[in-house]
C-alpha atoms as a PDB file:
ATOM      1  CA  MET A   1     -18.667   2.574 -63.812  1.00  0.00           C
ATOM      2  CA  ASN A   2     -21.324  -0.052 -63.191  1.00  0.00           C
ATOM      3  CA  ASN A   3     -21.179   0.432 -59.420  1.00  0.00           C
ATOM      4  CA  GLU A   4     -21.488   4.219 -59.652  1.00  0.00           C
ATOM      5  CA  TYR A   5     -24.269   4.041 -62.239  1.00  0.00           C
ATOM      6  CA  LYS A   6     -26.234   1.495 -60.232  1.00  0.00           C
ATOM      7  CA  GLU A   7     -25.841   3.567 -57.081  1.00  0.00           C
ATOM      8  CA  CYS A   8     -27.396   6.519 -58.901  1.00  0.00           C
ATOM      9  CA  VAL A   9     -30.220   4.349 -60.245  1.00  0.00           C
ATOM     10  CA  ASP A  10     -30.854   2.861 -56.806  1.00  0.00           C
ATOM     11  CA  SER A  11     -31.138   6.302 -55.211  1.00  0.00           C
ATOM     12  CA  LEU A  12     -32.935   8.358 -57.911  1.00  0.00           C
ATOM     13  CA  TYR A  13     -34.838   5.974 -60.205  1.00  0.00           C
ATOM     14  CA  ASP A  14     -38.506   5.489 -59.415  1.00  0.00           C
ATOM     15  CA  LYS A  15     -39.289   1.813 -60.067  1.00  0.00           C
ATOM     16  CA  THR A  16     -43.022   2.533 -60.393  1.00  0.00           C
ATOM     17  CA  ASP A  17     -42.938   5.469 -62.796  1.00  0.00           C
ATOM     18  CA  HIS A  18     -39.660   4.431 -64.506  1.00  0.00           C
ATOM     19  CA  LEU A  19     -38.264   7.944 -64.400  1.00  0.00           C
ATOM     20  CA  PHE A  20     -35.489   9.690 -62.460  1.00  0.00           C
ATOM     21  CA  CYS A  21     -35.740  12.369 -59.797  1.00  0.00           C
ATOM     22  CA  ARG A  22     -33.287  15.230 -60.215  1.00  0.00           C
ATOM     23  CA  ASP A  23     -31.789  14.645 -56.775  1.00  0.00           C
ATOM     24  CA  ASN A  24     -32.704  13.160 -53.390  1.00  0.00           C
ATOM     25  CA  LYS A  25     -34.218  16.442 -52.190  1.00  0.00           C
ATOM     26  CA  ARG A  26     -36.791  16.292 -54.990  1.00  0.00           C
ATOM     27  CA  ILE A  27     -38.092  12.790 -54.219  1.00  0.00           C
ATOM     28  CA  PRO A  28     -40.846  13.975 -51.846  1.00  0.00           C
ATOM     29  CA  LEU A  29     -41.842  16.991 -53.993  1.00  0.00           C
ATOM     30  CA  ARG A  30     -45.090  16.969 -55.946  1.00  0.00           C
ATOM     31  CA  GLU A  31     -46.270  18.993 -58.912  1.00  0.00           C
ATOM     32  CA  LYS A  32     -49.477  21.052 -58.963  1.00  0.00           C
ATOM     33  CA  ASN A  33     -51.484  18.039 -60.144  1.00  0.00           C
ATOM     34  CA  GLY A  34     -50.136  15.910 -57.279  1.00  0.00           C
ATOM     35  CA  SER A  35     -47.770  13.819 -59.426  1.00  0.00           C
ATOM     36  CA  LYS A  36     -44.143  13.181 -58.543  1.00  0.00           C
ATOM     37  CA  GLN A  37     -41.670  15.711 -59.893  1.00  0.00           C
ATOM     38  CA  PHE A  38     -39.708  14.219 -62.786  1.00  0.00           C
ATOM     39  CA  TRP A  39     -37.765  16.880 -64.610  1.00  0.00           C
ATOM     40  CA  GLY A  40     -37.943  16.421 -68.395  1.00  0.00           C
ATOM     41  CA  ARG A  41     -34.432  17.514 -69.297  1.00  0.00           C
ATOM     42  CA  GLY A  42     -32.806  15.445 -66.556  1.00  0.00           C
ATOM     43  CA  ASN A  43     -34.621  12.335 -67.729  1.00  0.00           C
ATOM     44  CA  GLY A  44     -33.678  13.281 -71.281  1.00  0.00           C
ATOM     45  CA  TRP A  45     -30.009  13.268 -70.325  1.00  0.00           C
ATOM     46  CA  VAL A  46     -30.354   9.752 -68.938  1.00  0.00           C
ATOM     47  CA  PHE A  47     -32.431   8.547 -71.889  1.00  0.00           C
ATOM     48  CA  ALA A  48     -29.924   9.934 -74.393  1.00  0.00           C
ATOM     49  CA  GLY A  49     -26.936   8.827 -72.331  1.00  0.00           C
ATOM     50  CA  LEU A  50     -27.888   5.171 -72.165  1.00  0.00           C
ATOM     51  CA  PRO A  51     -27.145   4.604 -75.890  1.00  0.00           C
ATOM     52  CA  LEU A  52     -23.641   5.945 -75.360  1.00  0.00           C
ATOM     53  CA  VAL A  53     -23.091   3.542 -72.474  1.00  0.00           C
ATOM     54  CA  ILE A  54     -24.547   0.581 -74.386  1.00  0.00           C
ATOM     55  CA  ASP A  55     -22.555   1.397 -77.537  1.00  0.00           C
ATOM     56  CA  ASN A  56     -19.324   1.325 -75.563  1.00  0.00           C
ATOM     57  CA  LEU A  57     -19.909  -1.978 -73.783  1.00  0.00           C
ATOM     58  CA  PRO A  58     -18.635  -5.187 -75.379  1.00  0.00           C
ATOM     59  CA  LEU A  59     -21.459  -7.338 -76.732  1.00  0.00           C
ATOM     60  CA  ASP A  60     -20.618 -10.101 -74.254  1.00  0.00           C
ATOM     61  CA  CYS A  61     -20.524  -7.749 -71.233  1.00  0.00           C
ATOM     62  CA  ASP A  62     -22.804  -9.030 -68.451  1.00  0.00           C
ATOM     63  CA  SER A  63     -24.006  -5.548 -67.494  1.00  0.00           C
ATOM     64  CA  ARG A  64     -25.136  -4.711 -71.043  1.00  0.00           C
ATOM     65  CA  THR A  65     -28.491  -6.378 -70.326  1.00  0.00           C
ATOM     66  CA  TYR A  66     -28.951  -4.162 -67.251  1.00  0.00           C
ATOM     67  CA  TYR A  67     -28.639  -0.958 -69.314  1.00  0.00           C
ATOM     68  CA  ILE A  68     -30.863  -2.246 -72.110  1.00  0.00           C
ATOM     69  CA  GLN A  69     -33.539  -3.253 -69.589  1.00  0.00           C
ATOM     70  CA  LEU A  70     -33.342   0.180 -67.945  1.00  0.00           C
ATOM     71  CA  PHE A  71     -33.778   1.795 -71.345  1.00  0.00           C
ATOM     72  CA  VAL A  72     -36.811  -0.342 -72.248  1.00  0.00           C
ATOM     73  CA  GLU A  73     -38.488   0.524 -68.929  1.00  0.00           C
ATOM     74  CA  MET A  74     -37.767   4.219 -69.413  1.00  0.00           C
ATOM     75  CA  ALA A  75     -38.929   4.141 -73.035  1.00  0.00           C
ATOM     76  CA  LYS A  76     -42.487   3.280 -71.988  1.00  0.00           C
ATOM     77  CA  ALA A  77     -42.532   6.193 -69.524  1.00  0.00           C
ATOM     78  CA  VAL A  78     -41.035   8.504 -72.163  1.00  0.00           C
ATOM     79  CA  LEU A  79     -43.700   7.463 -74.657  1.00  0.00           C
ATOM     80  CA  ASN A  80     -46.485   7.968 -72.106  1.00  0.00           C
ATOM     81  CA  SER A  81     -45.206  11.415 -71.153  1.00  0.00           C
ATOM     82  CA  GLN A  82     -45.229  12.781 -74.700  1.00  0.00           C
ATOM     83  CA  CYS A  83     -47.846  15.539 -74.931  1.00  0.00           C
ATOM     84  CA  LYS A  84     -50.699  15.777 -77.394  1.00  0.00           C
ATOM     85  CA  ASP A  85     -48.791  18.699 -78.909  1.00  0.00           C
ATOM     86  CA  ARG A  86     -46.060  16.160 -79.766  1.00  0.00           C
ATOM     87  CA  ASP A  87     -43.433  17.567 -77.425  1.00  0.00           C
ATOM     88  CA  TRP A  88     -42.200  16.788 -73.948  1.00  0.00           C
ATOM     89  CA  ARG A  89     -42.517  19.329 -71.158  1.00  0.00           C
ATOM     90  CA  THR A  90     -40.463  20.582 -68.252  1.00  0.00           C
ATOM     91  CA  SER A  91     -42.311  18.232 -65.883  1.00  0.00           C
ATOM     92  CA  LEU A  92     -43.003  14.871 -67.478  1.00  0.00           C
ATOM     93  CA  LEU A  93     -46.036  13.972 -65.354  1.00  0.00           C
ATOM     94  CA  ASP A  94     -47.595  17.448 -65.086  1.00  0.00           C
ATOM     95  CA  PRO A  95     -47.388  18.948 -68.573  1.00  0.00           C
ATOM     96  CA  ASP A  96     -50.289  21.331 -67.947  1.00  0.00           C
ATOM     97  CA  SER A  97     -48.268  23.250 -65.353  1.00  0.00           C
ATOM     98  CA  TYR A  98     -45.705  24.026 -68.052  1.00  0.00           C
ATOM     99  CA  SER A  99     -47.682  24.995 -71.127  1.00  0.00           C
ATOM    100  CA  MET A 100     -44.710  25.171 -73.490  1.00  0.00           C
ATOM    101  CA  PRO A 101     -42.346  22.556 -74.902  1.00  0.00           C
ATOM    102  CA  GLU A 102     -38.950  21.947 -73.317  1.00  0.00           C
ATOM    103  CA  ASN A 103     -36.809  21.273 -76.340  1.00  0.00           C
ATOM    104  CA  SER A 104     -33.606  20.073 -74.752  1.00  0.00           C
ATOM    105  CA  CYS A 105     -35.779  17.332 -73.231  1.00  0.00           C
ATOM    106  CA  SER A 106     -37.699  16.726 -76.479  1.00  0.00           C
ATOM    107  CA  ALA A 107     -34.481  16.494 -78.487  1.00  0.00           C
ATOM    108  CA  PHE A 108     -32.881  14.063 -76.024  1.00  0.00           C
ATOM    109  CA  MET A 109     -36.036  11.917 -76.111  1.00  0.00           C
ATOM    110  CA  CYS A 110     -36.038  11.925 -79.920  1.00  0.00           C
ATOM    111  CA  PHE A 111     -32.377  10.916 -80.002  1.00  0.00           C
ATOM    112  CA  GLY A 112     -32.958   8.047 -77.564  1.00  0.00           C
ATOM    113  CA  ILE A 113     -35.980   6.767 -79.479  1.00  0.00           C
ATOM    114  CA  ALA A 114     -34.217   7.051 -82.863  1.00  0.00           C
ATOM    115  CA  TRP A 115     -31.101   5.257 -81.624  1.00  0.00           C
ATOM    116  CA  ARG A 116     -33.154   2.446 -80.173  1.00  0.00           C
ATOM    117  CA  LEU A 117     -35.307   2.081 -83.262  1.00  0.00           C
ATOM    118  CA  ARG A 118     -32.179   1.876 -85.389  1.00  0.00           C
ATOM    119  CA  ASN A 119     -30.738  -0.777 -83.078  1.00  0.00           C
ATOM    120  CA  GLY A 120     -33.930  -2.822 -82.845  1.00  0.00           C
ATOM    121  CA  TYR A 121     -34.739  -2.315 -79.152  1.00  0.00           C
ATOM    122  CA  LEU A 122     -38.195  -0.796 -79.703  1.00  0.00           C
ATOM    123  CA  PRO A 123     -41.217  -1.601 -81.881  1.00  0.00           C
ATOM    124  CA  LYS A 124     -41.138   0.695 -84.926  1.00  0.00           C
ATOM    125  CA  ARG A 125     -44.880   1.031 -85.226  1.00  0.00           C
ATOM    126  CA  THR A 126     -45.391   2.572 -81.789  1.00  0.00           C
ATOM    127  CA  TYR A 127     -42.150   4.443 -81.262  1.00  0.00           C
ATOM    128  CA  GLY A 128     -41.714   5.509 -84.893  1.00  0.00           C
ATOM    129  CA  LEU A 129     -44.882   7.589 -84.656  1.00  0.00           C
ATOM    130  CA  ALA A 130     -43.738   9.154 -81.364  1.00  0.00           C
ATOM    131  CA  LEU A 131     -40.388  10.013 -82.952  1.00  0.00           C
ATOM    132  CA  GLU A 132     -42.030  11.557 -86.000  1.00  0.00           C
ATOM    133  CA  LYS A 133     -44.328  13.680 -83.830  1.00  0.00           C
ATOM    134  CA  GLY A 134     -41.479  14.730 -81.540  1.00  0.00           C
ATOM    135  CA  TRP A 135     -39.241  15.712 -84.439  1.00  0.00           C
ATOM    136  CA  GLN A 136     -42.024  17.752 -86.065  1.00  0.00           C
ATOM    137  CA  SER A 137     -42.513  19.605 -82.783  1.00  0.00           C
ATOM    138  CA  LEU A 138     -38.799  20.397 -82.641  1.00  0.00           C
ATOM    139  CA  ILE A 139     -38.751  21.661 -86.220  1.00  0.00           C
ATOM    140  CA  ARG A 140     -41.625  24.058 -85.439  1.00  0.00           C
ATOM    141  CA  ALA A 141     -39.438  25.643 -82.752  1.00  0.00           C
ATOM    142  CA  VAL A 142     -36.635  26.573 -85.148  1.00  0.00           C
ATOM    143  CA  HIS A 143     -36.664  30.322 -85.866  1.00  0.00           C
ATOM    144  CA  ALA A 144     -36.212  31.719 -89.372  1.00  0.00           C
ATOM    145  CA  ASP A 145     -32.569  32.535 -88.496  1.00  0.00           C
ATOM    146  CA  GLY A 146     -31.916  28.950 -87.304  1.00  0.00           C
ATOM    147  CA  LYS A 147     -32.192  29.588 -83.560  1.00  0.00           C
ATOM    148  CA  LEU A 148     -33.920  26.802 -81.590  1.00  0.00           C
ATOM    149  CA  GLY A 149     -36.395  28.011 -78.994  1.00  0.00           C
ATOM    150  CA  TYR A 150     -38.159  26.661 -75.913  1.00  0.00           C
ATOM    151  CA  ILE A 151     -34.973  25.557 -74.189  1.00  0.00           C
ATOM    152  CA  GLN A 152     -35.151  25.748 -70.410  1.00  0.00           C
ATOM    153  CA  PRO A 153     -32.286  27.689 -68.857  1.00  0.00           C
ATOM    154  CA  VAL A 154     -29.883  26.164 -66.367  1.00  0.00           C
ATOM    155  CA  GLY A 155     -31.477  26.058 -62.940  1.00  0.00           C
ATOM    156  CA  ALA A 156     -32.155  24.140 -59.777  1.00  0.00           C
ATOM    157  CA  ALA A 157     -35.868  23.643 -60.446  1.00  0.00           C
ATOM    158  CA  PRO A 158     -38.110  23.082 -63.448  1.00  0.00           C
ATOM    159  CA  LYS A 159     -39.520  26.185 -65.117  1.00  0.00           C
ATOM    160  CA  ALA A 160     -41.060  26.956 -68.462  1.00  0.00           C
ATOM    161  CA  ALA A 161     -39.075  28.656 -71.221  1.00  0.00           C
ATOM    162  CA  GLY A 162     -40.521  30.608 -74.122  1.00  0.00           C
ATOM    163  CA  PHE A 163     -40.024  30.549 -77.875  1.00  0.00           C
ATOM    164  CA  ASP A 164     -36.988  32.843 -77.626  1.00  0.00           C
ATOM    165  CA  ALA A 165     -35.202  30.898 -74.862  1.00  0.00           C
ATOM    166  CA  THR A 166     -32.205  28.969 -76.151  1.00  0.00           C
ATOM    167  CA  ASP A 167     -28.943  27.456 -74.955  1.00  0.00           C
ATOM    168  CA  VAL A 168     -26.130  25.408 -76.435  1.00  0.00           C
ATOM    169  CA  TYR A 169     -27.042  22.114 -74.749  1.00  0.00           C
ATOM    170  CA  GLY A 170     -30.516  22.225 -76.328  1.00  0.00           C
ATOM    171  CA  VAL A 171     -29.070  22.962 -79.748  1.00  0.00           C
ATOM    172  CA  GLY A 172     -26.544  20.152 -79.254  1.00  0.00           C
ATOM    173  CA  ALA A 173     -29.342  17.751 -78.311  1.00  0.00           C
ATOM    174  CA  PHE A 174     -31.276  18.842 -81.418  1.00  0.00           C
ATOM    175  CA  LEU A 175     -28.253  18.141 -83.646  1.00  0.00           C
ATOM    176  CA  LEU A 176     -27.693  14.803 -81.907  1.00  0.00           C
ATOM    177  CA  ALA A 177     -31.330  13.831 -82.531  1.00  0.00           C
ATOM    178  CA  GLY A 178     -31.161  14.955 -86.162  1.00  0.00           C
ATOM    179  CA  SER A 179     -27.993  12.963 -86.794  1.00  0.00           C
ATOM    180  CA  GLU A 180     -29.608   9.810 -85.411  1.00  0.00           C
ATOM    181  CA  ILE A 181     -32.845  10.347 -87.334  1.00  0.00           C
ATOM    182  CA  TYR A 182     -30.751  10.775 -90.490  1.00  0.00           C
ATOM    183  CA  LYS A 183     -29.277   7.314 -89.884  1.00  0.00           C
ATOM    184  CA  LEU A 184     -32.799   5.862 -89.898  1.00  0.00           C
ATOM    185  CA  ALA A 185     -33.526   7.236 -93.366  1.00  0.00           C
ATOM    186  CA  PRO A 186     -33.469   4.652 -96.173  1.00  0.00           C
END
């Protein structure tokens, strides 16, 4: 597992921006504002997946530090890419090109932040506020009938999704985030 994971990190992780490209073909692509293309949901999958890897490694496992360090690096980029509207967007470094939230991404980011706050890997003062803002943004996207909107459809390139766009992986990420936030409650 470590070899395969590290191979993926070595080929897709940008060591300057601390985010992942979707695939090797996307590395040279740029967004409208000239920034590198870092897809929100894809980075959300990594950010939410790292807790599952860390939780399943023995405490004395040598590679545990590698995954925690990767998380801490990513957490700063995740925090910096949160929009003023409290959400995360389809493109993490060009939110203005995608004027709506991308809630599978936002939910994955909230889960990752909540898990790490609960486990003591992040400062509560800074990341607690980001989590609160992100969760409030997600709640605003829940329809009266319980449907969660602003979830980007499956695709090979980033694109915006409206209030009525939904899919099971976004709802699952929302429930995952909510369950972790619940664990933080006193």
